[in-house]
Amino acid sequence: MKLTTNTLFPVAPGSMVDWTADVPDPTANFEYEFWVYSVATASWSLGKPYGVDHTFRWIPAGTGSYFIQAWARRVGSSLAYEVYLSTNGLAVSQGPAQLVSLTSNVSLPATAGTTITWTAAASGGTAGPLQYQFWRWGSNGWVMVQDYSPLNSYSWTPTANDVGDHALQVWVRSAGSSASYESYKSTGIFSIN
């Protein structure tokens, strides 16, 4: 059995965390149930009852440490579960947002006319979804190229006029924050040929 999420931890209370459970057995149809364990209360609560949908959206209400558990059984089974899997401890905190990575979909330096997409990954924050702002440096200095929004990626197709040195920077902050940023990450200087 697999239990996965694309979310990086820690997360802020109120963040949406989507989980996917899967039993890789093409010979049977499974149904799934999800449970949430709170370390603070030392108790399990039902996150989502049995059904054929193998996804679960968890929205933690408070800070603390949690575990997610997925149960699976063949459709029609009366067993509590046939297989289950638990996560490691998951932290929900109210610290500032922290950028974890900034990656591009192409190797740099790049050629003019090539679309480059940068994707930022961040965790934490006091409210979700986190907000991202992108800045690009070139011959005109730093210019904001994408204002704050929940979109964590930015695409740019440089032209022949953009040949030369550039850099990209992403800022992140919690939803509703008035701070300029809570964390930032830069690419360093790269060339467009």
N, C-alpha and C. Protein backbone atom coordinates (compact mmCIF):
# COMPACT_ATOMS: atom_id res chain seq x y z
N MET A 1 0.85 -1.19 0.00
CA MET A 1 0.00 0.00 0.00
C MET A 1 0.88 1.24 0.00
N LYS A 2 0.42 2.30 -0.69
CA LYS A 2 1.12 3.58 -0.72
C LYS A 2 0.20 4.65 -0.15
N LEU A 3 0.78 5.62 0.55
CA LEU A 3 0.05 6.77 1.09
C LEU A 3 0.92 7.99 0.84
N THR A 4 0.47 8.89 -0.03
CA THR A 4 1.32 10.00 -0.46
C THR A 4 0.60 11.33 -0.41
N THR A 5 1.40 12.40 -0.33
CA THR A 5 0.93 13.77 -0.44
C THR A 5 2.01 14.58 -1.12
N ASN A 6 1.63 15.67 -1.79
CA ASN A 6 2.62 16.58 -2.38
C ASN A 6 2.95 17.73 -1.45
N THR A 7 2.35 17.76 -0.27
CA THR A 7 2.53 18.85 0.68
C THR A 7 3.80 18.65 1.48
N LEU A 8 4.54 19.74 1.68
CA LEU A 8 5.73 19.73 2.52
C LEU A 8 5.34 20.14 3.94
N PHE A 9 5.91 19.49 4.93
CA PHE A 9 5.62 19.80 6.33
C PHE A 9 6.82 20.48 6.95
N PRO A 10 6.60 21.38 7.95
CA PRO A 10 5.33 21.64 8.63
C PRO A 10 4.39 22.49 7.80
N VAL A 11 3.09 22.42 8.15
CA VAL A 11 2.06 23.25 7.54
C VAL A 11 1.40 24.08 8.63
N ALA A 12 0.68 25.10 8.22
CA ALA A 12 -0.05 25.94 9.16
C ALA A 12 -1.44 25.37 9.39
N PRO A 13 -2.04 25.63 10.56
CA PRO A 13 -3.43 25.25 10.76
C PRO A 13 -4.29 25.86 9.66
N GLY A 14 -5.27 25.10 9.18
CA GLY A 14 -6.14 25.57 8.12
C GLY A 14 -5.64 25.27 6.72
N SER A 15 -4.43 24.73 6.61
CA SER A 15 -3.90 24.36 5.29
C SER A 15 -4.63 23.14 4.76
N MET A 16 -4.76 23.05 3.44
CA MET A 16 -5.38 21.88 2.81
C MET A 16 -4.27 20.90 2.43
N VAL A 17 -4.36 19.69 2.95
CA VAL A 17 -3.37 18.65 2.66
C VAL A 17 -4.10 17.47 2.02
N ASP A 18 -3.81 17.22 0.76
CA ASP A 18 -4.47 16.14 0.02
C ASP A 18 -3.63 14.87 0.08
N TRP A 19 -4.24 13.77 0.54
CA TRP A 19 -3.60 12.46 0.65
C TRP A 19 -4.19 11.51 -0.38
N THR A 20 -3.35 10.64 -0.91
CA THR A 20 -3.79 9.61 -1.84
C THR A 20 -3.29 8.26 -1.36
N ALA A 21 -4.21 7.32 -1.19
CA ALA A 21 -3.87 5.95 -0.81
C ALA A 21 -4.06 5.07 -2.03
N ASP A 22 -3.21 4.04 -2.14
CA ASP A 22 -3.33 3.15 -3.29
C ASP A 22 -2.80 1.77 -2.93
N VAL A 23 -3.61 0.77 -3.24
CA VAL A 23 -3.17 -0.62 -3.15
C VAL A 23 -2.93 -1.07 -4.59
N PRO A 24 -1.65 -1.27 -4.96
CA PRO A 24 -1.35 -1.62 -6.36
C PRO A 24 -1.65 -3.09 -6.66
N ASP A 25 -2.93 -3.42 -6.71
CA ASP A 25 -3.37 -4.79 -7.00
C ASP A 25 -4.44 -4.70 -8.09
N PRO A 26 -4.06 -4.94 -9.35
CA PRO A 26 -5.04 -4.80 -10.44
C PRO A 26 -6.10 -5.89 -10.46
N THR A 27 -5.97 -6.90 -9.59
CA THR A 27 -6.95 -8.00 -9.61
C THR A 27 -8.14 -7.75 -8.70
N ALA A 28 -8.13 -6.65 -7.93
CA ALA A 28 -9.23 -6.41 -6.99
C ALA A 28 -9.57 -4.92 -6.91
N ASN A 29 -10.83 -4.63 -6.57
CA ASN A 29 -11.27 -3.26 -6.33
C ASN A 29 -11.26 -3.02 -4.82
N PHE A 30 -10.66 -1.90 -4.42
CA PHE A 30 -10.54 -1.59 -3.00
C PHE A 30 -11.35 -0.36 -2.64
N GLU A 31 -11.73 -0.29 -1.36
CA GLU A 31 -12.30 0.92 -0.80
C GLU A 31 -11.38 1.36 0.32
N TYR A 32 -11.43 2.66 0.64
CA TYR A 32 -10.43 3.25 1.53
C TYR A 32 -11.11 4.05 2.64
N GLU A 33 -10.47 4.03 3.80
CA GLU A 33 -10.92 4.82 4.95
C GLU A 33 -9.69 5.51 5.53
N PHE A 34 -9.86 6.74 6.02
CA PHE A 34 -8.73 7.52 6.54
C PHE A 34 -8.98 7.91 8.00
N TRP A 35 -7.91 7.84 8.79
CA TRP A 35 -7.95 8.18 10.20
C TRP A 35 -6.87 9.21 10.51
N VAL A 36 -7.14 10.07 11.51
CA VAL A 36 -6.19 11.09 11.94
C VAL A 36 -5.92 10.89 13.42
N TYR A 37 -4.62 10.82 13.79
CA TYR A 37 -4.23 10.67 15.20
C TYR A 37 -3.64 11.98 15.68
N SER A 38 -4.15 12.50 16.79
CA SER A 38 -3.61 13.71 17.42
C SER A 38 -2.75 13.30 18.61
N VAL A 39 -1.49 13.69 18.60
CA VAL A 39 -0.61 13.37 19.73
C VAL A 39 -1.08 14.12 20.98
N ALA A 40 -1.57 15.36 20.81
CA ALA A 40 -2.01 16.17 21.95
C ALA A 40 -3.14 15.51 22.72
N THR A 41 -4.10 14.89 22.01
CA THR A 41 -5.23 14.27 22.69
C THR A 41 -5.07 12.76 22.82
N ALA A 42 -4.00 12.23 22.22
CA ALA A 42 -3.74 10.78 22.22
C ALA A 42 -4.97 10.00 21.76
N SER A 43 -5.56 10.49 20.65
CA SER A 43 -6.78 9.83 20.16
C SER A 43 -6.85 9.85 18.64
N TRP A 44 -7.55 8.84 18.11
CA TRP A 44 -7.81 8.73 16.68
C TRP A 44 -9.19 9.30 16.38
N SER A 45 -9.33 9.94 15.22
CA SER A 45 -10.65 10.38 14.76
C SER A 45 -10.78 9.99 13.29
N LEU A 46 -12.01 9.67 12.90
CA LEU A 46 -12.28 9.28 11.53
C LEU A 46 -12.16 10.49 10.62
N GLY A 47 -11.27 10.40 9.65
CA GLY A 47 -11.09 11.50 8.69
C GLY A 47 -12.05 11.38 7.53
N LYS A 48 -12.23 10.15 7.03
CA LYS A 48 -13.13 9.91 5.90
C LYS A 48 -13.54 8.45 5.94
N PRO A 49 -14.85 8.16 5.95
CA PRO A 49 -15.31 6.76 6.02
C PRO A 49 -15.04 6.00 4.72
N TYR A 50 -15.19 4.68 4.80
CA TYR A 50 -14.94 3.83 3.65
C TYR A 50 -15.71 4.28 2.41
N GLY A 51 -15.00 4.24 1.29
CA GLY A 51 -15.56 4.55 -0.02
C GLY A 51 -14.52 4.22 -1.08
N VAL A 52 -14.94 4.18 -2.33
CA VAL A 52 -14.01 3.82 -3.41
C VAL A 52 -13.07 4.97 -3.76
N ASP A 53 -13.39 6.20 -3.36
CA ASP A 53 -12.50 7.34 -3.59
C ASP A 53 -11.28 7.16 -2.69
N HIS A 54 -10.11 7.14 -3.27
CA HIS A 54 -8.89 6.87 -2.50
C HIS A 54 -8.13 8.14 -2.13
N THR A 55 -8.84 9.30 -2.14
CA THR A 55 -8.20 10.55 -1.74
C THR A 55 -8.89 11.10 -0.49
N PHE A 56 -8.13 11.87 0.27
CA PHE A 56 -8.62 12.45 1.52
C PHE A 56 -8.01 13.84 1.67
N ARG A 57 -8.86 14.86 1.83
CA ARG A 57 -8.38 16.21 2.10
C ARG A 57 -8.44 16.45 3.60
N TRP A 58 -7.27 16.64 4.18
CA TRP A 58 -7.14 16.91 5.61
C TRP A 58 -6.86 18.38 5.81
N ILE A 59 -7.64 19.04 6.68
CA ILE A 59 -7.44 20.45 7.02
C ILE A 59 -7.24 20.51 8.53
N PRO A 60 -5.97 20.50 8.99
CA PRO A 60 -5.73 20.51 10.43
C PRO A 60 -6.24 21.81 11.06
N ALA A 61 -6.97 21.66 12.17
CA ALA A 61 -7.58 22.82 12.81
C ALA A 61 -6.62 23.51 13.78
N GLY A 62 -5.69 22.76 14.36
CA GLY A 62 -4.80 23.35 15.35
C GLY A 62 -3.37 22.86 15.20
N THR A 63 -2.49 23.52 15.95
CA THR A 63 -1.08 23.13 15.91
C THR A 63 -0.89 21.81 16.66
N GLY A 64 0.25 21.18 16.41
CA GLY A 64 0.56 19.95 17.10
C GLY A 64 1.19 18.93 16.17
N SER A 65 1.27 17.71 16.67
CA SER A 65 1.83 16.60 15.90
C SER A 65 0.72 15.61 15.61
N TYR A 66 0.67 15.12 14.36
CA TYR A 66 -0.41 14.24 13.91
C TYR A 66 0.17 13.08 13.11
N PHE A 67 -0.64 12.05 12.96
CA PHE A 67 -0.35 10.93 12.07
C PHE A 67 -1.60 10.70 11.23
N ILE A 68 -1.41 10.34 9.96
CA ILE A 68 -2.52 9.96 9.09
C ILE A 68 -2.40 8.47 8.83
N GLN A 69 -3.51 7.77 8.87
CA GLN A 69 -3.51 6.34 8.59
C GLN A 69 -4.60 6.05 7.55
N ALA A 70 -4.25 5.23 6.56
CA ALA A 70 -5.20 4.80 5.53
C ALA A 70 -5.46 3.32 5.69
N TRP A 71 -6.73 2.95 5.67
CA TRP A 71 -7.13 1.54 5.71
C TRP A 71 -7.70 1.19 4.34
N ALA A 72 -7.50 -0.04 3.92
CA ALA A 72 -8.06 -0.49 2.64
C ALA A 72 -8.59 -1.92 2.79
N ARG A 73 -9.67 -2.19 2.09
CA ARG A 73 -10.24 -3.54 2.03
C ARG A 73 -10.92 -3.70 0.68
N ARG A 74 -11.07 -4.94 0.26
CA ARG A 74 -11.77 -5.20 -1.00
C ARG A 74 -13.23 -4.76 -0.87
N VAL A 75 -13.76 -4.20 -1.94
CA VAL A 75 -15.17 -3.78 -1.94
C VAL A 75 -16.03 -5.00 -1.60
N GLY A 76 -16.91 -4.84 -0.62
CA GLY A 76 -17.78 -5.92 -0.19
C GLY A 76 -17.27 -6.67 1.02
N SER A 77 -16.02 -6.43 1.43
CA SER A 77 -15.46 -7.12 2.59
C SER A 77 -16.08 -6.58 3.88
N SER A 78 -16.23 -7.45 4.88
CA SER A 78 -16.75 -7.01 6.17
C SER A 78 -15.63 -6.80 7.19
N LEU A 79 -14.39 -7.02 6.78
CA LEU A 79 -13.26 -6.79 7.67
C LEU A 79 -13.09 -5.31 7.97
N ALA A 80 -12.52 -4.99 9.13
CA ALA A 80 -12.22 -3.59 9.45
C ALA A 80 -11.23 -3.04 8.43
N TYR A 81 -10.25 -3.83 8.04
CA TYR A 81 -9.29 -3.49 6.99
C TYR A 81 -8.55 -4.76 6.60
N GLU A 82 -8.00 -4.76 5.39
CA GLU A 82 -7.15 -5.85 4.94
C GLU A 82 -5.69 -5.42 4.93
N VAL A 83 -5.47 -4.14 4.75
CA VAL A 83 -4.13 -3.56 4.78
C VAL A 83 -4.25 -2.12 5.25
N TYR A 84 -3.23 -1.63 5.93
CA TYR A 84 -3.23 -0.23 6.36
C TYR A 84 -1.80 0.30 6.33
N LEU A 85 -1.69 1.63 6.33
CA LEU A 85 -0.38 2.28 6.33
C LEU A 85 -0.50 3.60 7.07
N SER A 86 0.51 3.90 7.89
CA SER A 86 0.55 5.15 8.65
C SER A 86 1.70 6.02 8.17
N THR A 87 1.52 7.32 8.33
CA THR A 87 2.60 8.27 8.05
C THR A 87 3.53 8.33 9.25
N ASN A 88 4.65 8.99 9.09
CA ASN A 88 5.47 9.41 10.22
C ASN A 88 4.76 10.62 10.84
N GLY A 89 5.29 11.12 11.94
CA GLY A 89 4.70 12.28 12.59
C GLY A 89 4.67 13.49 11.66
N LEU A 90 3.56 14.23 11.68
CA LEU A 90 3.37 15.40 10.83
C LEU A 90 3.21 16.64 11.71
N ALA A 91 4.04 17.65 11.49
CA ALA A 91 4.01 18.86 12.32
C ALA A 91 3.08 19.91 11.72
N VAL A 92 2.20 20.45 12.56
CA VAL A 92 1.36 21.58 12.20
C VAL A 92 1.76 22.71 13.15
N SER A 93 2.30 23.80 12.58
CA SER A 93 2.83 24.87 13.41
C SER A 93 2.43 26.23 12.86
N GLN A 94 2.68 27.26 13.66
CA GLN A 94 2.32 28.61 13.24
C GLN A 94 3.53 29.50 13.06
N GLY A 95 4.63 28.93 12.61
CA GLY A 95 5.82 29.73 12.33
C GLY A 95 5.70 30.41 10.98
N PRO A 96 6.67 31.24 10.63
CA PRO A 96 6.62 31.89 9.33
C PRO A 96 6.81 30.88 8.19
N ALA A 97 6.37 31.27 7.02
CA ALA A 97 6.56 30.44 5.84
C ALA A 97 8.06 30.34 5.54
N GLN A 98 8.50 29.18 5.10
CA GLN A 98 9.90 28.96 4.76
C GLN A 98 10.01 28.35 3.38
N LEU A 99 10.79 28.99 2.50
CA LEU A 99 11.04 28.41 1.18
C LEU A 99 12.01 27.25 1.33
N VAL A 100 11.68 26.15 0.69
CA VAL A 100 12.49 24.94 0.76
C VAL A 100 13.32 24.78 -0.51
N SER A 101 12.72 25.11 -1.66
CA SER A 101 13.45 24.95 -2.93
C SER A 101 12.90 25.87 -3.99
N LEU A 102 13.74 26.13 -5.00
CA LEU A 102 13.37 26.87 -6.19
C LEU A 102 14.06 26.18 -7.35
N THR A 103 13.28 25.54 -8.22
CA THR A 103 13.85 24.74 -9.30
C THR A 103 13.31 25.20 -10.64
N SER A 104 14.11 24.96 -11.69
CA SER A 104 13.66 25.27 -13.06
C SER A 104 13.51 23.98 -13.84
N ASN A 105 12.67 24.05 -14.88
CA ASN A 105 12.40 22.85 -15.68
C ASN A 105 13.43 22.64 -16.78
N VAL A 106 14.33 23.60 -16.98
CA VAL A 106 15.40 23.46 -17.98
C VAL A 106 16.74 23.76 -17.33
N SER A 107 17.80 23.22 -17.92
CA SER A 107 19.15 23.51 -17.43
C SER A 107 19.54 24.93 -17.84
N LEU A 108 20.25 25.59 -16.97
CA LEU A 108 20.72 26.95 -17.25
C LEU A 108 22.23 26.91 -17.42
N PRO A 109 22.83 27.68 -18.34
CA PRO A 109 22.20 28.72 -19.14
C PRO A 109 21.21 28.16 -20.16
N ALA A 110 20.30 29.04 -20.63
CA ALA A 110 19.30 28.65 -21.61
C ALA A 110 19.41 29.53 -22.84
N THR A 111 18.79 29.09 -23.90
CA THR A 111 18.80 29.82 -25.17
C THR A 111 17.55 30.69 -25.26
N ALA A 112 17.72 31.88 -25.83
CA ALA A 112 16.56 32.76 -26.07
C ALA A 112 15.51 31.98 -26.85
N GLY A 113 14.25 32.17 -26.47
CA GLY A 113 13.15 31.45 -27.12
C GLY A 113 12.72 30.21 -26.36
N THR A 114 13.52 29.79 -25.38
CA THR A 114 13.19 28.61 -24.56
C THR A 114 12.36 29.06 -23.36
N THR A 115 11.18 28.48 -23.16
CA THR A 115 10.37 28.82 -21.99
C THR A 115 10.94 28.14 -20.75
N ILE A 116 11.18 28.94 -19.73
CA ILE A 116 11.72 28.45 -18.46
C ILE A 116 10.63 28.60 -17.41
N THR A 117 10.35 27.52 -16.69
CA THR A 117 9.38 27.57 -15.60
C THR A 117 10.09 27.25 -14.29
N TRP A 118 10.00 28.18 -13.35
CA TRP A 118 10.56 27.98 -12.02
C TRP A 118 9.41 27.60 -11.08
N THR A 119 9.66 26.65 -10.21
CA THR A 119 8.66 26.22 -9.24
C THR A 119 9.26 26.31 -7.84
N ALA A 120 8.54 26.96 -6.95
CA ALA A 120 8.98 27.12 -5.56
C ALA A 120 8.22 26.13 -4.68
N ALA A 121 8.90 25.63 -3.67
CA ALA A 121 8.26 24.79 -2.65
C ALA A 121 8.52 25.43 -1.30
N ALA A 122 7.47 25.55 -0.49
CA ALA A 122 7.58 26.18 0.81
C ALA A 122 6.74 25.42 1.82
N SER A 123 7.03 25.65 3.08
CA SER A 123 6.25 25.03 4.15
C SER A 123 6.05 26.04 5.26
N GLY A 124 5.23 25.67 6.24
CA GLY A 124 4.98 26.55 7.38
C GLY A 124 3.96 27.61 7.07
N GLY A 125 4.10 28.75 7.72
CA GLY A 125 3.15 29.84 7.55
C GLY A 125 2.06 29.78 8.60
N THR A 126 1.38 30.90 8.76
CA THR A 126 0.31 30.96 9.77
C THR A 126 -1.07 30.79 9.17
N ALA A 127 -1.17 30.80 7.86
CA ALA A 127 -2.46 30.58 7.19
C ALA A 127 -2.18 30.14 5.77
N GLY A 128 -2.99 29.26 5.29
CA GLY A 128 -2.81 28.77 3.92
C GLY A 128 -3.91 29.30 3.03
N PRO A 129 -3.78 29.26 1.73
CA PRO A 129 -2.57 28.83 1.05
C PRO A 129 -1.49 29.91 1.09
N LEU A 130 -0.23 29.49 1.06
CA LEU A 130 0.88 30.44 1.04
C LEU A 130 0.81 31.28 -0.23
N GLN A 131 1.38 32.49 -0.16
CA GLN A 131 1.39 33.43 -1.27
C GLN A 131 2.83 33.59 -1.79
N TYR A 132 2.99 33.61 -3.12
CA TYR A 132 4.31 33.68 -3.75
C TYR A 132 4.39 34.91 -4.65
N GLN A 133 5.56 35.55 -4.64
CA GLN A 133 5.83 36.68 -5.52
C GLN A 133 7.19 36.44 -6.19
N PHE A 134 7.29 36.72 -7.50
CA PHE A 134 8.52 36.45 -8.25
C PHE A 134 9.13 37.75 -8.76
N TRP A 135 10.46 37.84 -8.67
CA TRP A 135 11.24 38.98 -9.14
C TRP A 135 12.32 38.46 -10.09
N ARG A 136 12.60 39.24 -11.14
CA ARG A 136 13.66 38.88 -12.08
C ARG A 136 14.63 40.04 -12.21
N TRP A 137 15.92 39.70 -12.20
CA TRP A 137 16.97 40.70 -12.34
C TRP A 137 17.57 40.59 -13.73
N GLY A 138 17.82 41.74 -14.34
CA GLY A 138 18.46 41.80 -15.66
C GLY A 138 19.10 43.16 -15.84
N SER A 139 19.22 43.60 -17.07
CA SER A 139 19.89 44.88 -17.36
C SER A 139 19.18 46.08 -16.75
N ASN A 140 17.88 45.94 -16.44
CA ASN A 140 17.11 47.03 -15.83
C ASN A 140 17.01 46.92 -14.32
N GLY A 141 17.80 46.03 -13.72
CA GLY A 141 17.74 45.82 -12.27
C GLY A 141 16.63 44.83 -11.92
N TRP A 142 16.17 44.86 -10.66
CA TRP A 142 15.13 43.94 -10.20
C TRP A 142 13.76 44.44 -10.61
N VAL A 143 12.95 43.57 -11.19
CA VAL A 143 11.59 43.90 -11.62
C VAL A 143 10.66 42.80 -11.12
N MET A 144 9.54 43.20 -10.48
CA MET A 144 8.56 42.20 -10.08
C MET A 144 7.86 41.69 -11.35
N VAL A 145 7.88 40.36 -11.52
CA VAL A 145 7.30 39.77 -12.74
C VAL A 145 6.02 38.99 -12.46
N GLN A 146 5.74 38.71 -11.18
CA GLN A 146 4.48 38.04 -10.82
C GLN A 146 4.16 38.40 -9.38
N ASP A 147 3.04 39.10 -9.19
CA ASP A 147 2.68 39.59 -7.85
C ASP A 147 2.20 38.43 -6.96
N TYR A 148 2.05 38.74 -5.68
CA TYR A 148 1.63 37.72 -4.71
C TYR A 148 0.35 37.02 -5.13
N SER A 149 0.39 35.69 -5.12
CA SER A 149 -0.77 34.85 -5.40
C SER A 149 -0.45 33.46 -4.89
N PRO A 150 -1.43 32.55 -4.86
CA PRO A 150 -1.15 31.18 -4.43
C PRO A 150 -0.34 30.38 -5.47
N LEU A 151 -0.12 30.95 -6.67
CA LEU A 151 0.61 30.26 -7.73
C LEU A 151 2.10 30.20 -7.38
N ASN A 152 2.64 28.98 -7.24
CA ASN A 152 4.02 28.81 -6.81
C ASN A 152 4.98 28.60 -7.98
N SER A 153 4.55 28.92 -9.20
CA SER A 153 5.44 28.79 -10.35
C SER A 153 5.36 30.04 -11.22
N TYR A 154 6.44 30.27 -11.95
CA TYR A 154 6.53 31.42 -12.85
C TYR A 154 7.22 30.97 -14.13
N SER A 155 6.65 31.32 -15.28
CA SER A 155 7.23 30.96 -16.58
C SER A 155 7.66 32.21 -17.31
N TRP A 156 8.82 32.09 -18.01
CA TRP A 156 9.38 33.21 -18.76
C TRP A 156 9.98 32.67 -20.05
N THR A 157 9.68 33.33 -21.17
CA THR A 157 10.28 32.98 -22.45
C THR A 157 11.16 34.16 -22.87
N PRO A 158 12.47 34.08 -22.63
CA PRO A 158 13.35 35.18 -22.99
C PRO A 158 13.44 35.35 -24.51
N THR A 159 13.59 36.59 -24.94
CA THR A 159 13.73 36.90 -26.36
C THR A 159 15.20 37.23 -26.65
N ALA A 160 15.49 37.55 -27.89
CA ALA A 160 16.86 37.92 -28.27
C ALA A 160 17.31 39.17 -27.50
N ASN A 161 16.36 40.04 -27.14
CA ASN A 161 16.70 41.23 -26.36
C ASN A 161 17.11 40.90 -24.92
N ASP A 162 16.84 39.67 -24.46
CA ASP A 162 17.15 39.27 -23.09
C ASP A 162 18.49 38.56 -22.96
N VAL A 163 19.25 38.43 -24.06
CA VAL A 163 20.56 37.76 -24.00
C VAL A 163 21.42 38.50 -22.98
N GLY A 164 22.03 37.74 -22.07
CA GLY A 164 22.86 38.32 -21.02
C GLY A 164 22.60 37.64 -19.69
N ASP A 165 23.05 38.30 -18.62
CA ASP A 165 22.93 37.73 -17.28
C ASP A 165 21.61 38.10 -16.62
N HIS A 166 21.06 37.14 -15.87
CA HIS A 166 19.78 37.32 -15.16
C HIS A 166 19.84 36.57 -13.84
N ALA A 167 18.86 36.84 -13.00
CA ALA A 167 18.66 36.08 -11.76
C ALA A 167 17.17 36.10 -11.47
N LEU A 168 16.71 35.14 -10.70
CA LEU A 168 15.30 35.08 -10.32
C LEU A 168 15.23 34.92 -8.80
N GLN A 169 14.24 35.55 -8.21
CA GLN A 169 14.03 35.43 -6.76
C GLN A 169 12.55 35.24 -6.50
N VAL A 170 12.23 34.37 -5.54
CA VAL A 170 10.84 34.17 -5.14
C VAL A 170 10.71 34.56 -3.67
N TRP A 171 9.62 35.24 -3.35
CA TRP A 171 9.29 35.60 -1.98
C TRP A 171 8.05 34.81 -1.58
N VAL A 172 7.93 34.48 -0.31
CA VAL A 172 6.74 33.77 0.18
C VAL A 172 6.29 34.40 1.49
N ARG A 173 4.98 34.38 1.71
CA ARG A 173 4.42 34.85 2.98
C ARG A 173 3.10 34.13 3.22
N SER A 174 2.65 34.17 4.45
CA SER A 174 1.37 33.57 4.82
C SER A 174 0.22 34.34 4.20
N ALA A 175 -0.88 33.66 3.93
CA ALA A 175 -2.07 34.33 3.39
C ALA A 175 -2.51 35.41 4.38
N GLY A 176 -2.80 36.58 3.87
CA GLY A 176 -3.26 37.69 4.71
C GLY A 176 -2.14 38.48 5.36
N SER A 177 -0.90 38.06 5.20
CA SER A 177 0.23 38.77 5.81
C SER A 177 0.48 40.08 5.09
N SER A 178 0.89 41.11 5.84
CA SER A 178 1.25 42.39 5.23
C SER A 178 2.77 42.55 5.15
N ALA A 179 3.52 41.52 5.59
CA ALA A 179 4.98 41.57 5.50
C ALA A 179 5.40 41.54 4.03
N SER A 180 6.54 42.17 3.73
CA SER A 180 7.07 42.11 2.37
C SER A 180 7.31 40.66 1.98
N TYR A 181 7.85 39.87 2.90
CA TYR A 181 8.05 38.43 2.72
C TYR A 181 8.38 37.82 4.06
N GLU A 182 8.19 36.51 4.18
CA GLU A 182 8.61 35.77 5.37
C GLU A 182 9.87 34.96 5.08
N SER A 183 10.08 34.66 3.81
CA SER A 183 11.27 33.93 3.38
C SER A 183 11.47 34.20 1.90
N TYR A 184 12.71 34.09 1.44
CA TYR A 184 12.97 34.23 0.00
C TYR A 184 14.09 33.29 -0.41
N LYS A 185 14.15 33.03 -1.72
CA LYS A 185 15.19 32.17 -2.27
C LYS A 185 15.54 32.70 -3.65
N SER A 186 16.84 32.65 -3.98
CA SER A 186 17.33 33.17 -5.26
C SER A 186 17.99 32.06 -6.08
N THR A 187 18.01 32.28 -7.39
CA THR A 187 18.67 31.33 -8.28
C THR A 187 20.16 31.56 -8.37
N GLY A 188 20.62 32.75 -8.09
CA GLY A 188 21.98 33.13 -8.45
C GLY A 188 21.95 33.57 -9.91
N ILE A 189 23.06 34.10 -10.38
CA ILE A 189 23.11 34.63 -11.75
C ILE A 189 23.21 33.50 -12.76
N PHE A 190 22.41 33.60 -13.82
CA PHE A 190 22.46 32.64 -14.93
C PHE A 190 22.43 33.42 -16.24
N SER A 191 22.80 32.76 -17.33
CA SER A 191 22.89 33.45 -18.62
C SER A 191 21.81 32.98 -19.58
N ILE A 192 21.39 33.91 -20.42
CA ILE A 192 20.55 33.61 -21.58
C ILE A 192 21.44 33.85 -22.80
N ASN A 193 21.55 32.82 -23.64
CA ASN A 193 22.44 32.93 -24.81
C ASN A 193 21.63 33.17 -26.07
